[in-house]
Amino acid sequence: TSVVVLLLACGAFMGHELFTFRRTMERDLSILGDVIANNSTAALTFDDASAARDALSALRAQHHVISACMYRSSGAPFASYRREPGGTDQWPARAQIAATGMHDDWFAVVQPVLLDGERIGTVYIRSDLLEMHARVRGYALILGWVLLAASLVALVLASRLQRMISRPLLHLAAVTRRVTQERDYGARAVSEGHDEIGQLIDGFNGMLGQIQTRDLQLQEHQEHLESEVQDR
């Protein structure tokens, strides 16, 4: 029971942390995309691809950013950035409207480039999830140690508490077998407390006392009858 409760608590904590990290990651990339979009209005207005690439190259400072692409108002790619040169394009072929998107290995945000309230382009930024995976592994390790330590503590406490319950019950069971096998109604179980188990033992002893009293009465009555028969 303790392990199940701890697993549920750890699962809820992990889910909350992942949700919070995704929100934080989305906010940081959106702010980064907004800064690049604000610095790219002139490049898109004057069709300066070199200036657009320079604006995107600022993403080198963010080592988790895999790639980025700036699109024209028509949706066609205008300038791009890759963390690792070469390879296939790591951005959509056309500009997307969706604000965010998460896949198994990466997370992307889309920010519009606005000039006087008019959309003149789009900035697409894709980041890896290595930081999130590292955080998940770290949390899993911490939660694993916490779960192990808490389970050991719960096991020690449960074993001691179990002895408080099982020892008097085993004693009561032994007295019950003795009464059943030997017909010894004078046997009594020893009560060690005033809890429910103590009340059970007291009730059991009281029942044995009543049976013993009736047994003695029956025995005396039988002896009295035998004496009367002999007298007659």
Protein backbone atom coordinates (compact mmCIF):
# COMPACT_ATOMS: atom_id res chain seq x y z
CA THR A 1 0.00 0.00 0.00
CA SER A 2 2.82 2.39 0.83
CA VAL A 3 4.59 1.65 -2.46
CA VAL A 4 1.40 2.18 -4.50
CA VAL A 5 0.71 5.50 -2.77
CA LEU A 6 4.31 6.64 -3.28
CA LEU A 7 4.22 5.65 -6.96
CA LEU A 8 1.02 7.64 -7.48
CA ALA A 9 2.50 10.66 -5.69
CA CYS A 10 5.76 10.43 -7.66
CA GLY A 11 3.86 10.03 -10.93
CA ALA A 12 1.78 13.12 -10.19
CA PHE A 13 4.92 15.09 -9.27
CA MET A 14 6.70 13.97 -12.44
CA GLY A 15 3.71 14.86 -14.62
CA HIS A 16 3.50 18.31 -13.05
CA GLU A 17 7.21 18.91 -13.57
CA LEU A 18 7.05 17.88 -17.23
CA PHE A 19 4.04 20.10 -17.83
CA THR A 20 5.75 23.03 -16.12
CA PHE A 21 8.98 22.46 -18.06
CA ARG A 22 7.12 22.37 -21.37
CA ARG A 23 5.36 25.64 -20.54
CA THR A 24 8.70 27.20 -19.59
CA MET A 25 10.37 25.91 -22.75
CA GLU A 26 7.51 27.20 -24.90
CA ARG A 27 7.72 30.62 -23.25
CA ASP A 28 11.51 30.88 -23.67
CA LEU A 29 11.43 29.86 -27.33
CA SER A 30 8.52 32.20 -28.01
CA ILE A 31 10.43 35.10 -26.47
CA LEU A 32 13.50 34.17 -28.51
CA GLY A 33 11.43 33.95 -31.69
CA ASP A 34 9.80 37.30 -30.93
CA VAL A 35 13.21 38.95 -30.54
CA ILE A 36 14.43 37.52 -33.84
CA ALA A 37 11.18 38.52 -35.55
CA ASN A 38 11.56 42.11 -34.34
CA ASN A 39 15.15 42.20 -35.61
CA SER A 40 14.17 40.82 -39.02
CA THR A 41 11.58 43.31 -40.20
CA ALA A 42 14.17 45.30 -42.16
CA ALA A 43 15.66 42.16 -43.71
CA LEU A 44 12.25 41.01 -44.97
CA THR A 45 11.22 44.49 -46.07
CA PHE A 46 14.36 45.05 -48.14
CA ASP A 47 14.72 41.39 -49.19
CA ASP A 48 18.11 41.14 -47.48
CA ALA A 49 18.72 37.42 -46.98
CA SER A 50 22.18 38.00 -45.54
CA ALA A 51 20.78 40.18 -42.75
CA ALA A 52 18.12 37.56 -42.06
CA ARG A 53 20.78 34.86 -41.76
CA ASP A 54 22.75 37.08 -39.38
CA ALA A 55 19.65 37.49 -37.23
CA LEU A 56 19.13 33.73 -37.16
CA SER A 57 22.81 33.08 -36.39
CA ALA A 58 22.24 34.62 -32.96
CA LEU A 59 20.63 31.26 -32.11
CA ARG A 60 24.12 29.74 -31.86
CA ALA A 61 24.17 30.97 -28.27
CA GLN A 62 21.26 28.62 -27.58
CA HIS A 63 22.92 25.21 -27.97
CA HIS A 64 19.58 23.38 -27.69
CA VAL A 65 18.23 25.04 -30.85
CA ILE A 66 18.53 22.57 -33.72
CA SER A 67 17.44 24.74 -36.60
CA ALA A 68 15.45 27.81 -37.55
CA CYS A 69 13.91 29.21 -40.68
CA MET A 70 12.55 32.59 -41.70
CA TYR A 71 9.74 32.64 -44.26
CA ARG A 72 8.43 35.33 -46.58
CA SER A 73 4.85 36.52 -46.40
CA SER A 74 4.08 34.06 -49.20
CA GLY A 75 5.22 31.18 -46.95
CA ALA A 76 8.38 30.38 -48.94
CA PRO A 77 11.68 29.97 -47.01
CA PHE A 78 13.80 33.13 -46.96
CA ALA A 79 16.76 32.32 -44.67
CA SER A 80 17.70 29.38 -42.47
CA TYR A 81 19.99 28.26 -39.66
CA ARG A 82 21.35 24.82 -38.74
CA ARG A 83 23.15 23.94 -35.56
CA GLU A 84 25.06 21.28 -37.47
CA PRO A 85 25.82 22.21 -41.09
CA GLY A 86 24.70 19.81 -43.80
CA GLY A 87 21.98 17.23 -43.70
CA THR A 88 18.34 17.55 -44.62
CA ASP A 89 16.16 20.55 -43.95
CA GLN A 90 14.88 20.57 -40.38
CA TRP A 91 11.99 22.93 -40.93
CA PRO A 92 8.70 22.80 -42.84
CA ALA A 93 8.77 23.48 -46.56
CA ARG A 94 6.10 26.16 -46.09
CA ALA A 95 5.36 28.53 -43.25
CA GLN A 96 2.99 27.15 -40.63
CA ILE A 97 0.33 28.94 -38.66
CA ALA A 98 0.43 26.69 -35.58
CA ALA A 99 2.05 28.40 -32.61
CA THR A 100 3.79 25.36 -31.11
CA GLY A 101 4.40 21.71 -31.81
CA MET A 102 6.06 18.86 -29.91
CA HIS A 103 7.33 15.57 -31.26
CA ASP A 104 9.35 12.75 -29.78
CA ASP A 105 12.75 14.43 -30.18
CA TRP A 106 12.08 18.12 -30.73
CA PHE A 107 9.88 21.06 -29.90
CA ALA A 108 9.07 23.97 -32.23
CA VAL A 109 7.51 27.41 -32.02
CA VAL A 110 6.26 29.73 -34.75
CA GLN A 111 6.34 33.51 -34.38
CA PRO A 112 4.99 36.01 -36.93
CA VAL A 113 7.09 38.90 -38.19
CA LEU A 114 4.86 41.98 -38.04
CA LEU A 115 5.32 45.45 -39.52
CA ASP A 116 2.66 48.02 -38.66
CA GLY A 117 0.32 45.19 -37.70
CA GLU A 118 0.80 43.41 -41.04
CA ARG A 119 2.36 39.97 -41.22
CA ILE A 120 5.37 40.17 -43.52
CA GLY A 121 6.97 36.86 -42.57
CA THR A 122 7.27 34.01 -40.11
CA VAL A 123 10.03 32.70 -37.87
CA TYR A 124 10.22 28.98 -37.12
CA ILE A 125 12.51 27.70 -34.33
CA ARG A 126 13.10 24.04 -33.49
CA SER A 127 14.78 22.91 -30.27
CA ASP A 128 15.83 19.47 -29.08
CA LEU A 129 14.49 17.89 -25.90
CA LEU A 130 17.82 16.84 -24.42
CA GLU A 131 17.38 19.16 -21.45
CA MET A 132 13.93 17.79 -20.74
CA HIS A 133 15.16 14.20 -21.07
CA ALA A 134 18.07 14.94 -18.75
CA ARG A 135 15.69 16.50 -16.25
CA VAL A 136 13.38 13.48 -16.48
CA ARG A 137 16.30 11.14 -15.83
CA GLY A 138 17.41 13.27 -12.89
CA TYR A 139 13.93 13.37 -11.41
CA ALA A 140 13.51 9.64 -11.99
CA LEU A 141 16.78 8.96 -10.15
CA ILE A 142 15.81 11.21 -7.24
CA LEU A 143 12.31 9.77 -7.04
CA GLY A 144 13.75 6.26 -7.21
CA TRP A 145 15.97 6.91 -4.20
CA VAL A 146 13.12 8.60 -2.35
CA LEU A 147 10.83 5.66 -3.16
CA LEU A 148 13.46 3.16 -1.98
CA ALA A 149 14.16 5.03 1.26
CA ALA A 150 10.46 5.60 2.00
CA SER A 151 9.68 1.95 1.25
CA LEU A 152 12.40 0.78 3.63
CA VAL A 153 11.14 3.09 6.37
CA ALA A 154 7.56 1.94 5.74
CA LEU A 155 8.72 -1.70 5.84
CA VAL A 156 10.47 -1.22 9.20
CA LEU A 157 7.48 0.59 10.69
CA ALA A 158 5.02 -1.94 9.26
CA SER A 159 7.02 -4.90 10.57
CA ARG A 160 7.05 -3.43 14.08
CA LEU A 161 3.39 -2.53 13.95
CA GLN A 162 2.60 -5.95 12.54
CA ARG A 163 4.27 -7.62 15.52
CA MET A 164 2.01 -5.61 17.81
CA ILE A 165 -0.95 -7.19 16.03
CA SER A 166 0.31 -10.61 15.00
CA ARG A 167 1.97 -11.60 18.30
CA PRO A 168 -1.19 -11.40 20.46
CA LEU A 169 -3.23 -13.00 17.67
CA LEU A 170 -0.78 -15.90 17.40
CA HIS A 171 -0.90 -16.27 21.18
CA LEU A 172 -4.69 -16.30 21.08
CA ALA A 173 -4.63 -18.93 18.32
CA ALA A 174 -2.30 -21.13 20.40
CA VAL A 175 -4.62 -20.90 23.44
CA THR A 176 -7.58 -21.74 21.18
CA ARG A 177 -5.83 -24.90 19.90
CA ARG A 178 -5.00 -25.90 23.46
CA VAL A 179 -8.61 -25.51 24.58
CA THR A 180 -9.89 -27.38 21.53
CA GLN A 181 -7.44 -30.30 21.76
CA GLU A 182 -7.12 -30.71 25.55
CA ARG A 183 -10.56 -29.47 26.64
CA ASP A 184 -8.72 -27.26 29.12
CA TYR A 185 -11.23 -24.51 29.79
CA GLY A 186 -9.04 -23.14 32.56
CA ALA A 187 -6.53 -21.82 30.01
CA ARG A 188 -6.44 -18.05 29.54
CA ALA A 189 -4.90 -15.79 26.91
CA VAL A 190 -2.77 -12.92 28.17
CA SER A 191 -3.98 -9.47 27.15
CA GLU A 192 -1.23 -6.90 26.55
CA GLY A 193 -3.31 -3.86 25.76
CA HIS A 194 -6.66 -2.15 25.77
CA ASP A 195 -7.13 -1.92 22.01
CA GLU A 196 -9.45 -3.98 19.83
CA ILE A 197 -7.20 -7.05 20.10
CA GLY A 198 -7.11 -6.67 23.88
CA GLN A 199 -10.89 -6.48 23.91
CA LEU A 200 -11.01 -9.62 21.76
CA ILE A 201 -8.74 -11.49 24.19
CA ASP A 202 -10.77 -10.30 27.18
CA GLY A 203 -13.97 -11.46 25.48
CA PHE A 204 -12.35 -14.81 24.68
CA ASN A 205 -11.24 -15.23 28.31
CA GLY A 206 -14.71 -14.28 29.50
CA MET A 207 -16.25 -16.89 27.21
CA LEU A 208 -13.82 -19.53 28.53
CA GLY A 209 -14.71 -18.52 32.08
CA GLN A 210 -18.43 -19.01 31.40
CA ILE A 211 -17.80 -22.37 29.73
CA GLN A 212 -15.60 -23.45 32.64
CA THR A 213 -18.29 -22.40 35.16
CA ARG A 214 -21.00 -24.31 33.29
CA ASP A 215 -18.71 -27.30 32.93
CA LEU A 216 -18.11 -27.33 36.69
CA GLN A 217 -21.85 -26.96 37.33
CA LEU A 218 -22.59 -29.87 34.99
CA GLN A 219 -19.91 -31.95 36.67
CA GLU A 220 -21.31 -31.19 40.15
CA HIS A 221 -24.82 -31.95 38.94
CA GLN A 222 -23.65 -35.26 37.49
CA GLU A 223 -21.90 -36.18 40.73
CA HIS A 224 -25.05 -35.22 42.66
CA LEU A 225 -27.17 -37.45 40.42
CA GLU A 226 -24.75 -40.36 40.84
CA SER A 227 -24.87 -39.88 44.61
CA GLU A 228 -28.69 -39.92 44.59
CA VAL A 229 -28.71 -43.08 42.45
CA GLN A 230 -26.35 -44.79 44.86
CA ASP A 231 -28.48 -43.71 47.84
CA ARG A 232 -31.60 -45.12 46.22
